[in-house]
Protein backbone atom coordinates (compact mmCIF):
# COMPACT_ATOMS: atom_id res chain seq x y z
CA UNK A 1 137.00 65.65 168.59
CA UNK A 2 135.28 66.70 171.42
CA UNK A 3 131.77 66.32 173.26
CA UNK A 4 129.91 68.50 175.33
CA UNK A 5 127.47 66.79 177.64
CA UNK A 6 125.04 69.15 179.58
CA UNK A 7 123.24 68.74 182.89
CA UNK A 8 120.92 70.58 185.08
CA UNK A 9 117.88 71.93 182.98
CA UNK A 10 114.76 71.59 184.32
CA UNK A 11 111.83 73.74 185.49
CA UNK A 12 111.78 76.43 188.27
CA UNK A 13 110.12 79.29 189.49
CA UNK A 14 111.24 82.63 189.40
CA UNK A 15 113.66 83.52 191.67
CA UNK A 16 114.76 80.26 192.11
CA UNK A 17 118.14 78.77 191.09
CA UNK A 18 119.99 76.43 188.94
CA UNK A 19 123.42 75.39 187.86
CA UNK A 20 124.34 74.13 184.64
CA UNK A 21 126.80 71.52 183.68
CA UNK A 22 129.19 70.46 180.60
CA UNK A 23 131.35 67.99 180.73
CA UNK A 24 133.76 67.98 177.60
CA UNK A 25 135.91 64.89 176.82
CA UNK A 26 137.83 63.89 173.71
CA UNK A 27 140.23 66.58 172.55
CA UNK A 28 139.41 70.12 174.49
CA UNK A 29 140.93 73.47 173.89
CA UNK A 30 141.52 74.33 177.71
CA UNK A 31 144.13 77.21 176.38
CA UNK A 32 140.40 78.56 174.78
CA UNK A 33 137.42 80.08 175.93
CA UNK A 34 133.87 77.92 176.82
CA UNK A 35 130.49 79.44 176.16
CA UNK A 36 126.94 79.11 176.93
CA UNK A 37 124.34 80.44 174.72
CA UNK A 38 120.64 80.19 174.65
CA UNK A 39 118.07 79.82 171.94
CA UNK A 40 114.41 80.89 172.57
CA UNK A 41 111.85 79.84 170.39
CA UNK A 42 111.72 81.83 167.13
CA UNK A 43 114.58 84.23 168.53
CA UNK A 44 118.65 83.99 167.38
CA UNK A 45 121.28 82.13 169.18
CA UNK A 46 121.81 84.55 172.16
CA UNK A 47 125.34 84.84 174.07
CA UNK A 48 125.24 84.01 177.77
CA UNK A 49 128.35 83.83 178.88
CA UNK A 50 132.27 82.46 178.14
CA UNK A 51 135.55 81.74 180.04
CA UNK A 52 138.72 81.85 178.74
CA UNK A 53 142.13 81.45 180.74
CA UNK A 54 142.38 84.78 180.82
CA UNK A 55 139.13 86.48 180.80
CA UNK A 56 135.25 85.97 181.90
CA UNK A 57 132.55 87.34 179.91
CA UNK A 58 129.06 88.05 180.86
CA UNK A 59 125.59 88.88 179.04
CA UNK A 60 124.35 92.18 180.14
CA UNK A 61 120.68 90.68 180.25
CA UNK A 62 122.48 87.94 182.79
CA UNK A 63 124.63 90.08 184.44
CA UNK A 64 124.91 89.95 188.40
CA UNK A 65 122.91 86.96 187.96
CA UNK A 66 124.62 84.41 186.25
CA UNK A 67 128.51 83.03 186.73
CA UNK A 68 130.08 80.72 184.99
CA UNK A 69 133.28 78.81 186.05
CA UNK A 70 135.17 75.92 184.51
CA UNK A 71 136.84 73.10 186.35
CA UNK A 72 139.91 72.15 183.96
CA UNK A 73 140.82 68.89 185.73
CA UNK A 74 136.97 67.66 185.27
CA UNK A 75 137.08 69.83 181.63
CA UNK A 76 133.78 70.74 182.80
CA UNK A 77 132.43 74.07 182.69
CA UNK A 78 129.12 75.58 184.45
CA UNK A 79 127.00 77.97 184.67
CA UNK A 80 125.47 79.22 187.98
CA UNK A 81 122.06 80.61 187.51
CA UNK A 82 120.53 82.20 190.20
CA UNK A 83 117.14 84.94 190.28
CA UNK A 84 115.82 83.39 186.95
CA UNK A 85 113.19 84.90 185.56
CA UNK A 86 110.77 83.93 182.93
CA UNK A 87 112.87 85.50 179.99
CA UNK A 88 115.84 83.17 180.97
CA UNK A 89 113.48 80.55 179.43
CA UNK A 90 115.57 78.60 176.79
CA UNK A 91 117.03 75.84 175.26
CA UNK A 92 120.75 76.30 177.16
CA UNK A 93 123.89 75.23 175.13
CA UNK A 94 127.66 74.81 175.82
CA UNK A 95 130.32 75.63 173.80
CA UNK A 96 134.01 75.25 172.93
CA UNK A 97 136.26 76.33 170.26
CA UNK A 98 139.59 75.49 168.70
CA UNK A 99 140.74 79.16 168.39
CA UNK A 100 142.06 81.90 170.80
CA UNK A 101 140.06 84.04 171.95
CA UNK A 102 139.52 86.82 174.98
CA UNK A 103 136.91 89.56 176.04
CA UNK A 104 134.51 90.26 173.34
CA UNK A 105 135.86 88.46 171.10
CA UNK A 106 134.72 85.30 172.81
CA UNK A 107 130.84 85.97 172.37
CA UNK A 108 130.34 85.19 168.48
CA UNK A 109 128.57 81.66 168.52
CA UNK A 110 130.28 81.60 164.89
CA UNK A 111 133.44 81.44 166.38
CA UNK A 112 132.68 78.14 168.13
CA UNK A 113 133.49 74.77 166.49
CA UNK A 114 131.56 72.36 169.10
CA UNK A 115 128.30 72.49 170.88
CA UNK A 116 126.86 70.29 173.21
CA UNK A 117 122.78 68.95 172.84
CA UNK A 118 121.13 71.78 174.78
CA UNK A 119 119.48 71.06 178.04
CA UNK A 120 115.74 73.30 178.67
CA UNK A 121 115.61 75.51 181.04
CA UNK A 122 112.12 76.91 181.97
CA UNK A 123 111.06 79.53 184.19
CA UNK A 124 107.73 79.68 185.30
CA UNK A 125 106.39 83.10 186.68
């Protein structure tokens, strides 16, 4: 079992920054990817970023603004979000998986097995 607990969401003005954290406990899959996804009301869950042992992948919509990182010693993945835009407003979810992936193969939500509860990020204009 894997439990993922997120923190760091909140309300910020456009142009501001937030850092999301996701702490994993239980059985983790350090050799495999952890990812961030987001979902706005009425929209499909969208890939944001993922990190595996050999790859880092970031969605084009956030490239250059968001950075994913991982502290394996703390079993924690982070999403540093800079230059936030109103369109970044969504519930952000972290996830991990039992299967190996790399690159584009880490971007599909359906391939992830464990999900956090989600944390709301709201960016005001």
